[in-house]
Amino acid sequence: MPQDFQASCLLNPLPVPAYLWDIETQKVFAANDALRQLFGYSEEELCKLAWRNLVVAEEIITAQRAIDVGAIMKAVRWHWRKKERTVSGVTLASRRTPFVDYNGRVRDVYVALVLNVGRDGSVPAMAAFPELLK
C-alpha cells in the first residue's frame, strides 16, 4: 500500500509526474506512477530518500535556499539522479500548501509537478509519457 493512499489517489490521475513533499521531514511522502517510472524508484524507496540524494551536488545549496524561501510558484529546472545514477534535467513547478493526510493530520507540503524532462529539461513531461494520455 502507498505511504499515503489518499495522496496517491490524488496524484495518480495527473498526466505528468508529480509528488507531495513534506516540509517538516523534508522527504517525499507520496508520488504518482509517472514520477516513479521517470526515476526508477518504488514509492517506498522515494519516501525513504533524503532530497539531497536526488539533486546533483552542485544544486544542493540552491535547492536548500529555494526550500527556505517557500511559497513561490514558478517553474525551476533542476538536475535529479535516477535510481540507476544517471542524471536527468527536470523542470518542476511547486506550490506550498496544507494537506490533510488519511490520519487527519495537517501537513505542510509542497505539491510538485514535473513540467519538462530531459538532459536540458526541454522535453515536455506529457511528451515523455504519451502512454499516460491514452
Foldseek 3Di string as FASTA:
>chain_A
DALFPVVQVVAALDLFWKFKAFLVVQFTRYTYPRVCVVQVHDRVVRRPDHVCQFFPPVCPVVVVVVSVVAADFDWDWTWTAGPVGDIKIWTKTWGWDWDQTPVRDTTTIIIITTQAMGRNRPHGRSNVCVVSVD
